[in-house]
Amino acid sequence: MDILIKPIITEKATRDAEEKNLFSFVVNPKANKVEIKKAVEAAYGVSVEKVRTMNVRPDRRTRYTKTGIQTGKTNAFKKALVQVAEGDTIDFYANA
């Protein structure tokens, strides 16, 4: 089971990483906090202090078109906010 799927790189996530050492990841929905902590420490070589998780619900949208009403939704996913120790950092942009 692959725990870490991808990092979340948005303006808000980048600001949290710079100011609070808080990094965001999309993770496997079946993964728990202990597994996420071990995966981040193994992948990036940092010490993790705290892991917070949340299940993000899908966004539902309705569009009115010439052919009628089109409804759809985005995919649901699980997000993990990982607090690393002071002095440690994760560089997502390094060519490693």
PDB file of N, CA and C in Angstrom:
ATOM      1  N   MET A   1       0.854  -1.183   0.000  1.00  0.00           N
ATOM      2  CA  MET A   1       0.000   0.000   0.000  1.00  0.00           C
ATOM      3  C   MET A   1       0.889   1.232   0.000  1.00  0.00           C
ATOM      4  N   ASP A   2       0.749   2.039  -1.031  1.00  0.00           N
ATOM      5  CA  ASP A   2       1.517   3.275  -1.132  1.00  0.00           C
ATOM      6  C   ASP A   2       0.808   4.336  -0.295  1.00  0.00           C
ATOM      7  N   ILE A   3       1.489   4.862   0.702  1.00  0.00           N
ATOM      8  CA  ILE A   3       0.860   5.771   1.661  1.00  0.00           C
ATOM      9  C   ILE A   3       0.783   7.194   1.103  1.00  0.00           C
ATOM     10  N   LEU A   4       1.926   7.762   0.723  1.00  0.00           N
ATOM     11  CA  LEU A   4       1.966   9.133   0.212  1.00  0.00           C
ATOM     12  C   LEU A   4       1.677   9.114  -1.286  1.00  0.00           C
ATOM     13  N   ILE A   5       0.663   9.842  -1.708  1.00  0.00           N
ATOM     14  CA  ILE A   5       0.324   9.892  -3.122  1.00  0.00           C
ATOM     15  C   ILE A   5       1.026  11.066  -3.788  1.00  0.00           C
ATOM     16  N   LYS A   6       0.835  12.285  -3.248  1.00  0.00           N
ATOM     17  CA  LYS A   6       1.517  13.457  -3.799  1.00  0.00           C
ATOM     18  C   LYS A   6       1.467  14.593  -2.785  1.00  0.00           C
ATOM     19  N   PRO A   7       2.419  15.522  -2.854  1.00  0.00           N
ATOM     20  CA  PRO A   7       2.336  16.700  -1.991  1.00  0.00           C
ATOM     21  C   PRO A   7       1.335  17.697  -2.557  1.00  0.00           C
ATOM     22  N   ILE A   8       0.777  18.499  -1.674  1.00  0.00           N
ATOM     23  CA  ILE A   8      -0.147  19.554  -2.090  1.00  0.00           C
ATOM     24  C   ILE A   8       0.655  20.847  -2.156  1.00  0.00           C
ATOM     25  N   ILE A   9       0.710  21.448  -3.347  1.00  0.00           N
ATOM     26  CA  ILE A   9       1.482  22.667  -3.537  1.00  0.00           C
ATOM     27  C   ILE A   9       0.518  23.758  -3.983  1.00  0.00           C
ATOM     28  N   THR A  10       0.003  24.503  -3.012  1.00  0.00           N
ATOM     29  CA  THR A  10      -0.860  25.648  -3.275  1.00  0.00           C
ATOM     30  C   THR A  10      -0.274  26.846  -2.545  1.00  0.00           C
ATOM     31  N   GLU A  11      -0.872  27.999  -2.727  1.00  0.00           N
ATOM     32  CA  GLU A  11      -0.380  29.188  -2.039  1.00  0.00           C
ATOM     33  C   GLU A  11      -0.497  29.028  -0.524  1.00  0.00           C
ATOM     34  N   LYS A  12      -1.622  28.501  -0.068  1.00  0.00           N
ATOM     35  CA  LYS A  12      -1.840  28.321   1.361  1.00  0.00           C
ATOM     36  C   LYS A  12      -0.876  27.279   1.935  1.00  0.00           C
ATOM     37  N   ALA A  13      -0.673  26.172   1.227  1.00  0.00           N
ATOM     38  CA  ALA A  13       0.232  25.130   1.707  1.00  0.00           C
ATOM     39  C   ALA A  13       1.676  25.626   1.729  1.00  0.00           C
ATOM     40  N   THR A  14       2.073  26.423   0.746  1.00  0.00           N
ATOM     41  CA  THR A  14       3.428  26.969   0.706  1.00  0.00           C
ATOM     42  C   THR A  14       3.639  27.954   1.848  1.00  0.00           C
ATOM     43  N   ARG A  15       2.645  28.768   2.142  1.00  0.00           N
ATOM     44  CA  ARG A  15       2.751  29.711   3.261  1.00  0.00           C
ATOM     45  C   ARG A  15       2.874  28.964   4.585  1.00  0.00           C
ATOM     46  N   ASP A  16       2.075  27.907   4.770  1.00  0.00           N
ATOM     47  CA  ASP A  16       2.183  27.113   5.992  1.00  0.00           C
ATOM     48  C   ASP A  16       3.544  26.450   6.115  1.00  0.00           C
ATOM     49  N   ALA A  17       4.102  26.002   5.001  1.00  0.00           N
ATOM     50  CA  ALA A  17       5.415  25.357   5.032  1.00  0.00           C
ATOM     51  C   ALA A  17       6.499  26.348   5.431  1.00  0.00           C
ATOM     52  N   GLU A  18       6.416  27.584   4.937  1.00  0.00           N
ATOM     53  CA  GLU A  18       7.432  28.584   5.251  1.00  0.00           C
ATOM     54  C   GLU A  18       7.304  29.104   6.676  1.00  0.00           C
ATOM     55  N   GLU A  19       6.079  29.345   7.128  1.00  0.00           N
ATOM     56  CA  GLU A  19       5.883  29.974   8.431  1.00  0.00           C
ATOM     57  C   GLU A  19       5.794  28.993   9.588  1.00  0.00           C
ATOM     58  N   LYS A  20       5.179  27.820   9.358  1.00  0.00           N
ATOM     59  CA  LYS A  20       4.870  26.916  10.467  1.00  0.00           C
ATOM     60  C   LYS A  20       5.520  25.539  10.358  1.00  0.00           C
ATOM     61  N   ASN A  21       6.338  25.293   9.317  1.00  0.00           N
ATOM     62  CA  ASN A  21       6.899  23.954   9.067  1.00  0.00           C
ATOM     63  C   ASN A  21       5.787  22.912   8.970  1.00  0.00           C
ATOM     64  N   LEU A  22       4.708  23.244   8.291  1.00  0.00           N
ATOM     65  CA  LEU A  22       3.531  22.383   8.156  1.00  0.00           C
ATOM     66  C   LEU A  22       3.369  22.034   6.682  1.00  0.00           C
ATOM     67  N   PHE A  23       3.538  20.759   6.336  1.00  0.00           N
ATOM     68  CA  PHE A  23       3.504  20.324   4.953  1.00  0.00           C
ATOM     69  C   PHE A  23       2.258  19.483   4.702  1.00  0.00           C
ATOM     70  N   SER A  24       1.690  19.620   3.502  1.00  0.00           N
ATOM     71  CA  SER A  24       0.430  18.953   3.168  1.00  0.00           C
ATOM     72  C   SER A  24       0.667  17.872   2.118  1.00  0.00           C
ATOM     73  N   PHE A  25      -0.022  16.738   2.292  1.00  0.00           N
ATOM     74  CA  PHE A  25       0.084  15.624   1.365  1.00  0.00           C
ATOM     75  C   PHE A  25      -1.297  15.034   1.098  1.00  0.00           C
ATOM     76  N   VAL A  26      -1.491  14.529  -0.118  1.00  0.00           N
ATOM     77  CA  VAL A  26      -2.631  13.670  -0.407  1.00  0.00           C
ATOM     78  C   VAL A  26      -2.164  12.260  -0.084  1.00  0.00           C
ATOM     79  N   VAL A  27      -2.915  11.567   0.747  1.00  0.00           N
ATOM     80  CA  VAL A  27      -2.495  10.244   1.212  1.00  0.00           C
ATOM     81  C   VAL A  27      -3.563   9.206   0.885  1.00  0.00           C
ATOM     82  N   ASN A  28      -3.195   7.952   1.047  1.00  0.00           N
ATOM     83  CA  ASN A  28      -4.118   6.846   0.841  1.00  0.00           C
ATOM     84  C   ASN A  28      -5.254   6.955   1.860  1.00  0.00           C
ATOM     85  N   PRO A  29      -6.508   6.814   1.434  1.00  0.00           N
ATOM     86  CA  PRO A  29      -7.627   6.963   2.370  1.00  0.00           C
ATOM     87  C   PRO A  29      -7.638   5.945   3.510  1.00  0.00           C
ATOM     88  N   LYS A  30      -6.965   4.811   3.342  1.00  0.00           N
ATOM     89  CA  LYS A  30      -6.942   3.797   4.386  1.00  0.00           C
ATOM     90  C   LYS A  30      -5.761   3.939   5.332  1.00  0.00           C
ATOM     91  N   ALA A  31      -4.875   4.898   5.090  1.00  0.00           N
ATOM     92  CA  ALA A  31      -3.687   5.076   5.925  1.00  0.00           C
ATOM     93  C   ALA A  31      -4.047   5.789   7.224  1.00  0.00           C
ATOM     94  N   ASN A  32      -3.377   5.391   8.322  1.00  0.00           N
ATOM     95  CA  ASN A  32      -3.596   6.073   9.591  1.00  0.00           C
ATOM     96  C   ASN A  32      -2.420   6.996   9.894  1.00  0.00           C
ATOM     97  N   LYS A  33      -2.485   7.708  11.014  1.00  0.00           N
ATOM     98  CA  LYS A  33      -1.484   8.720  11.330  1.00  0.00           C
ATOM     99  C   LYS A  33      -0.102   8.121  11.550  1.00  0.00           C
ATOM    100  N   VAL A  34      -0.030   6.960  12.177  1.00  0.00           N
ATOM    101  CA  VAL A  34       1.263   6.323  12.437  1.00  0.00           C
ATOM    102  C   VAL A  34       1.931   5.926  11.123  1.00  0.00           C
ATOM    103  N   GLU A  35       1.169   5.358  10.192  1.00  0.00           N
ATOM    104  CA  GLU A  35       1.716   4.974   8.897  1.00  0.00           C
ATOM    105  C   GLU A  35       2.171   6.193   8.101  1.00  0.00           C
ATOM    106  N   ILE A  36       1.412   7.280   8.169  1.00  0.00           N
ATOM    107  CA  ILE A  36       1.777   8.508   7.462  1.00  0.00           C
ATOM    108  C   ILE A  36       3.069   9.076   8.041  1.00  0.00           C
ATOM    109  N   LYS A  37       3.206   9.076   9.362  1.00  0.00           N
ATOM    110  CA  LYS A  37       4.411   9.579  10.007  1.00  0.00           C
ATOM    111  C   LYS A  37       5.635   8.785   9.574  1.00  0.00           C
ATOM    112  N   LYS A  38       5.542   7.462   9.567  1.00  0.00           N
ATOM    113  CA  LYS A  38       6.664   6.618   9.162  1.00  0.00           C
ATOM    114  C   LYS A  38       7.014   6.831   7.689  1.00  0.00           C
ATOM    115  N   ALA A  39       6.007   6.999   6.831  1.00  0.00           N
ATOM    116  CA  ALA A  39       6.252   7.188   5.404  1.00  0.00           C
ATOM    117  C   ALA A  39       6.951   8.517   5.122  1.00  0.00           C
ATOM    118  N   VAL A  40       6.544   9.585   5.806  1.00  0.00           N
ATOM    119  CA  VAL A  40       7.175  10.891   5.597  1.00  0.00           C
ATOM    120  C   VAL A  40       8.608  10.876   6.115  1.00  0.00           C
ATOM    121  N   GLU A  41       8.833  10.278   7.282  1.00  0.00           N
ATOM    122  CA  GLU A  41      10.189  10.215   7.824  1.00  0.00           C
ATOM    123  C   GLU A  41      11.103   9.389   6.929  1.00  0.00           C
ATOM    124  N   ALA A  42      10.598   8.312   6.343  1.00  0.00           N
ATOM    125  CA  ALA A  42      11.415   7.479   5.468  1.00  0.00           C
ATOM    126  C   ALA A  42      11.681   8.161   4.120  1.00  0.00           C
ATOM    127  N   ALA A  43      10.680   8.848   3.576  1.00  0.00           N
ATOM    128  CA  ALA A  43      10.818   9.433   2.240  1.00  0.00           C
ATOM    129  C   ALA A  43      11.670  10.709   2.240  1.00  0.00           C
ATOM    130  N   TYR A  44      11.549  11.524   3.281  1.00  0.00           N
ATOM    131  CA  TYR A  44      12.197  12.835   3.263  1.00  0.00           C
ATOM    132  C   TYR A  44      13.298  12.999   4.309  1.00  0.00           C
ATOM    133  N   GLY A  45      13.478  12.046   5.204  1.00  0.00           N
ATOM    134  CA  GLY A  45      14.550  12.114   6.192  1.00  0.00           C
ATOM    135  C   GLY A  45      14.373  13.230   7.203  1.00  0.00           C
ATOM    136  N   VAL A  46      13.164  13.500   7.629  1.00  0.00           N
ATOM    137  CA  VAL A  46      12.882  14.516   8.635  1.00  0.00           C
ATOM    138  C   VAL A  46      12.236  13.852   9.837  1.00  0.00           C
ATOM    139  N   SER A  47      12.207  14.552  10.962  1.00  0.00           N
ATOM    140  CA  SER A  47      11.505  14.023  12.129  1.00  0.00           C
ATOM    141  C   SER A  47      10.144  14.723  12.234  1.00  0.00           C
ATOM    142  N   VAL A  48       9.104  13.930  12.302  1.00  0.00           N
ATOM    143  CA  VAL A  48       7.731  14.435  12.309  1.00  0.00           C
ATOM    144  C   VAL A  48       7.267  14.585  13.748  1.00  0.00           C
ATOM    145  N   GLU A  49       6.708  15.748  14.086  1.00  0.00           N
ATOM    146  CA  GLU A  49       6.185  15.993  15.430  1.00  0.00           C
ATOM    147  C   GLU A  49       4.701  15.659  15.537  1.00  0.00           C
ATOM    148  N   LYS A  50       3.929  16.052  14.520  1.00  0.00           N
ATOM    149  CA  LYS A  50       2.474  15.900  14.601  1.00  0.00           C
ATOM    150  C   LYS A  50       1.909  15.623  13.216  1.00  0.00           C
ATOM    151  N   VAL A  51       0.876  14.788  13.169  1.00  0.00           N
ATOM    152  CA  VAL A  51       0.167  14.499  11.921  1.00  0.00           C
ATOM    153  C   VAL A  51      -1.316  14.732  12.166  1.00  0.00           C
ATOM    154  N   ARG A  52      -1.923  15.538  11.301  1.00  0.00           N
ATOM    155  CA  ARG A  52      -3.367  15.752  11.348  1.00  0.00           C
ATOM    156  C   ARG A  52      -3.940  15.318  10.006  1.00  0.00           C
ATOM    157  N   THR A  53      -5.059  14.615  10.037  1.00  0.00           N
ATOM    158  CA  THR A  53      -5.655  14.124   8.796  1.00  0.00           C
ATOM    159  C   THR A  53      -7.083  14.626   8.675  1.00  0.00           C
ATOM    160  N   MET A  54      -7.544  14.670   7.429  1.00  0.00           N
ATOM    161  CA  MET A  54      -8.930  15.040   7.167  1.00  0.00           C
ATOM    162  C   MET A  54      -9.375  14.403   5.857  1.00  0.00           C
ATOM    163  N   ASN A  55     -10.624  14.027   5.819  1.00  0.00           N
ATOM    164  CA  ASN A  55     -11.231  13.526   4.595  1.00  0.00           C
ATOM    165  C   ASN A  55     -11.899  14.699   3.898  1.00  0.00           C
ATOM    166  N   VAL A  56     -11.462  14.968   2.667  1.00  0.00           N
ATOM    167  CA  VAL A  56     -11.983  16.100   1.909  1.00  0.00           C
ATOM    168  C   VAL A  56     -13.133  15.600   1.051  1.00  0.00           C
ATOM    169  N   ARG A  57     -14.286  16.219   1.206  1.00  0.00           N
ATOM    170  CA  ARG A  57     -15.475  15.788   0.479  1.00  0.00           C
ATOM    171  C   ARG A  57     -15.410  16.262  -0.969  1.00  0.00           C
ATOM    172  N   PRO A  58     -16.139  15.610  -1.865  1.00  0.00           N
ATOM    173  CA  PRO A  58     -16.138  16.044  -3.266  1.00  0.00           C
ATOM    174  C   PRO A  58     -16.958  17.317  -3.447  1.00  0.00           C
ATOM    175  N   ASP A  59     -16.530  18.158  -4.376  1.00  0.00           N
ATOM    176  CA  ASP A  59     -17.291  19.348  -4.739  1.00  0.00           C
ATOM    177  C   ASP A  59     -18.298  18.960  -5.812  1.00  0.00           C
ATOM    178  N   ARG A  60     -19.550  19.352  -5.624  1.00  0.00           N
ATOM    179  CA  ARG A  60     -20.591  19.052  -6.603  1.00  0.00           C
ATOM    180  C   ARG A  60     -20.896  20.319  -7.400  1.00  0.00           C
ATOM    181  N   ARG A  61     -21.040  20.141  -8.706  1.00  0.00           N
ATOM    182  CA  ARG A  61     -21.293  21.273  -9.580  1.00  0.00           C
ATOM    183  C   ARG A  61     -22.457  20.968 -10.515  1.00  0.00           C
ATOM    184  N   THR A  62     -23.214  21.996 -10.828  1.00  0.00           N
ATOM    185  CA  THR A  62     -24.310  21.882 -11.782  1.00  0.00           C
ATOM    186  C   THR A  62     -24.131  22.966 -12.837  1.00  0.00           C
ATOM    187  N   ARG A  63     -24.183  22.560 -14.108  1.00  0.00           N
ATOM    188  CA  ARG A  63     -24.069  23.518 -15.204  1.00  0.00           C
ATOM    189  C   ARG A  63     -25.322  23.446 -16.059  1.00  0.00           C
ATOM    190  N   TYR A  64     -25.786  24.588 -16.490  1.00  0.00           N
ATOM    191  CA  TYR A  64     -26.943  24.666 -17.362  1.00  0.00           C
ATOM    192  C   TYR A  64     -26.447  24.881 -18.787  1.00  0.00           C
ATOM    193  N   THR A  65     -26.656  23.908 -19.654  1.00  0.00           N
ATOM    194  CA  THR A  65     -26.170  23.975 -21.024  1.00  0.00           C
ATOM    195  C   THR A  65     -27.346  23.904 -21.993  1.00  0.00           C
ATOM    196  N   LYS A  66     -27.032  23.991 -23.303  1.00  0.00           N
ATOM    197  CA  LYS A  66     -28.077  23.893 -24.322  1.00  0.00           C
ATOM    198  C   LYS A  66     -28.763  22.541 -24.295  1.00  0.00           C
ATOM    199  N   THR A  67     -28.009  21.492 -23.940  1.00  0.00           N
ATOM    200  CA  THR A  67     -28.572  20.141 -23.966  1.00  0.00           C
ATOM    201  C   THR A  67     -29.258  19.767 -22.658  1.00  0.00           C
ATOM    202  N   GLY A  68     -29.207  20.620 -21.669  1.00  0.00           N
ATOM    203  CA  GLY A  68     -29.864  20.329 -20.404  1.00  0.00           C
ATOM    204  C   GLY A  68     -28.944  20.578 -19.221  1.00  0.00           C
ATOM    205  N   ILE A  69     -29.319  20.064 -18.092  1.00  0.00           N
ATOM    206  CA  ILE A  69     -28.547  20.260 -16.864  1.00  0.00           C
ATOM    207  C   ILE A  69     -27.480  19.168 -16.772  1.00  0.00           C
ATOM    208  N   GLN A  70     -26.236  19.590 -16.598  1.00  0.00           N
ATOM    209  CA  GLN A  70     -25.121  18.661 -16.426  1.00  0.00           C
ATOM    210  C   GLN A  70     -24.673  18.715 -14.964  1.00  0.00           C
ATOM    211  N   THR A  71     -24.640  17.581 -14.303  1.00  0.00           N
ATOM    212  CA  THR A  71     -24.164  17.534 -12.930  1.00  0.00           C
ATOM    213  C   THR A  71     -22.906  16.692 -12.874  1.00  0.00           C
ATOM    214  N   GLY A  72     -22.038  17.027 -11.933  1.00  0.00           N
ATOM    215  CA  GLY A  72     -20.798  16.272 -11.772  1.00  0.00           C
ATOM    216  C   GLY A  72     -20.198  16.555 -10.414  1.00  0.00           C
ATOM    217  N   LYS A  73     -19.144  15.828 -10.105  1.00  0.00           N
ATOM    218  CA  LYS A  73     -18.462  16.048  -8.839  1.00  0.00           C
ATOM    219  C   LYS A  73     -16.997  15.706  -8.984  1.00  0.00           C
ATOM    220  N   THR A  74     -16.183  16.287  -8.106  1.00  0.00           N
ATOM    221  CA  THR A  74     -14.761  15.977  -8.064  1.00  0.00           C
ATOM    222  C   THR A  74     -14.559  14.756  -7.179  1.00  0.00           C
ATOM    223  N   ASN A  75     -13.352  14.239  -7.153  1.00  0.00           N
ATOM    224  CA  ASN A  75     -13.058  13.063  -6.354  1.00  0.00           C
ATOM    225  C   ASN A  75     -12.825  13.444  -4.896  1.00  0.00           C
ATOM    226  N   ALA A  76     -13.243  12.572  -3.995  1.00  0.00           N
ATOM    227  CA  ALA A  76     -12.943  12.743  -2.576  1.00  0.00           C
ATOM    228  C   ALA A  76     -11.544  12.205  -2.327  1.00  0.00           C
ATOM    229  N   PHE A  77     -10.833  12.785  -1.345  1.00  0.00           N
ATOM    230  CA  PHE A  77      -9.500  12.307  -1.022  1.00  0.00           C
ATOM    231  C   PHE A  77      -9.203  12.580   0.444  1.00  0.00           C
ATOM    232  N   LYS A  78      -8.118  11.994   0.938  1.00  0.00           N
ATOM    233  CA  LYS A  78      -7.693  12.197   2.314  1.00  0.00           C
ATOM    234  C   LYS A  78      -6.447  13.063   2.297  1.00  0.00           C
ATOM    235  N   LYS A  79      -6.443  14.087   3.151  1.00  0.00           N
ATOM    236  CA  LYS A  79      -5.333  15.023   3.222  1.00  0.00           C
ATOM    237  C   LYS A  79      -4.665  14.896   4.580  1.00  0.00           C
ATOM    238  N   ALA A  80      -3.327  14.968   4.594  1.00  0.00           N
ATOM    239  CA  ALA A  80      -2.572  14.923   5.843  1.00  0.00           C
ATOM    240  C   ALA A  80      -1.744  16.185   5.969  1.00  0.00           C
ATOM    241  N   LEU A  81      -1.823  16.820   7.139  1.00  0.00           N
ATOM    242  CA  LEU A  81      -0.989  17.969   7.465  1.00  0.00           C
ATOM    243  C   LEU A  81       0.087  17.482   8.421  1.00  0.00           C
ATOM    244  N   VAL A  82       1.348  17.593   8.001  1.00  0.00           N
ATOM    245  CA  VAL A  82       2.465  17.022   8.743  1.00  0.00           C
ATOM    246  C   VAL A  82       3.313  18.154   9.302  1.00  0.00           C
ATOM    247  N   GLN A  83       3.448  18.187  10.627  1.00  0.00           N
ATOM    248  CA  GLN A  83       4.286  19.181  11.318  1.00  0.00           C
ATOM    249  C   GLN A  83       5.652  18.555  11.536  1.00  0.00           C
ATOM    250  N   VAL A  84       6.706  19.150  10.934  1.00  0.00           N
ATOM    251  CA  VAL A  84       8.052  18.617  11.115  1.00  0.00           C
ATOM    252  C   VAL A  84       8.766  19.405  12.207  1.00  0.00           C
ATOM    253  N   ALA A  85       9.849  18.837  12.713  1.00  0.00           N
ATOM    254  CA  ALA A  85      10.586  19.458  13.809  1.00  0.00           C
ATOM    255  C   ALA A  85      11.228  20.762  13.365  1.00  0.00           C
ATOM    256  N   GLU A  86      11.460  21.624  14.326  1.00  0.00           N
ATOM    257  CA  GLU A  86      12.095  22.918  14.062  1.00  0.00           C
ATOM    258  C   GLU A  86      13.493  22.685  13.505  1.00  0.00           C
ATOM    259  N   GLY A  87      13.798  23.345  12.391  1.00  0.00           N
ATOM    260  CA  GLY A  87      15.097  23.168  11.750  1.00  0.00           C
ATOM    261  C   GLY A  87      15.043  22.208  10.573  1.00  0.00           C
ATOM    262  N   ASP A  88      14.095  21.278  10.557  1.00  0.00           N
ATOM    263  CA  ASP A  88      13.925  20.373   9.424  1.00  0.00           C
ATOM    264  C   ASP A  88      13.012  21.024   8.391  1.00  0.00           C
ATOM    265  N   THR A  89      13.227  20.680   7.138  1.00  0.00           N
ATOM    266  CA  THR A  89      12.374  21.180   6.072  1.00  0.00           C
ATOM    267  C   THR A  89      12.308  20.151   4.952  1.00  0.00           C
ATOM    268  N   ILE A  90      11.266  20.227   4.154  1.00  0.00           N
ATOM    269  CA  ILE A  90      11.087  19.345   3.007  1.00  0.00           C
ATOM    270  C   ILE A  90      11.128  20.215   1.765  1.00  0.00           C
ATOM    271  N   ASP A  91      12.025  19.874   0.826  1.00  0.00           N
ATOM    272  CA  ASP A  91      12.133  20.623  -0.420  1.00  0.00           C
ATOM    273  C   ASP A  91      11.481  19.816  -1.527  1.00  0.00           C
ATOM    274  N   PHE A  92      10.283  20.233  -1.954  1.00  0.00           N
ATOM    275  CA  PHE A  92       9.568  19.531  -3.003  1.00  0.00           C
ATOM    276  C   PHE A  92      10.153  19.811  -4.380  1.00  0.00           C
ATOM    277  N   TYR A  93      10.931  20.878  -4.525  1.00  0.00           N
ATOM    278  CA  TYR A  93      11.420  21.299  -5.823  1.00  0.00           C
ATOM    279  C   TYR A  93      12.823  20.803  -6.142  1.00  0.00           C
ATOM    280  N   ALA A  94      13.463  20.058  -5.232  1.00  0.00           N
ATOM    281  CA  ALA A  94      14.798  19.536  -5.477  1.00  0.00           C
ATOM    282  C   ALA A  94      14.746  18.420  -6.522  1.00  0.00           C
ATOM    283  N   ASN A  95      15.730  18.370  -7.358  1.00  0.00           N
ATOM    284  CA  ASN A  95      15.801  17.325  -8.384  1.00  0.00           C
ATOM    285  C   ASN A  95      16.476  16.093  -7.792  1.00  0.00           C
ATOM    286  N   ALA A  96      15.716  15.336  -7.033  1.00  0.00           N
ATOM    287  CA  ALA A  96      16.305  14.159  -6.398  1.00  0.00           C
ATOM    288  C   ALA A  96      15.771  12.884  -6.999  1.00  0.00           C
TER     289      ALA A  96
END
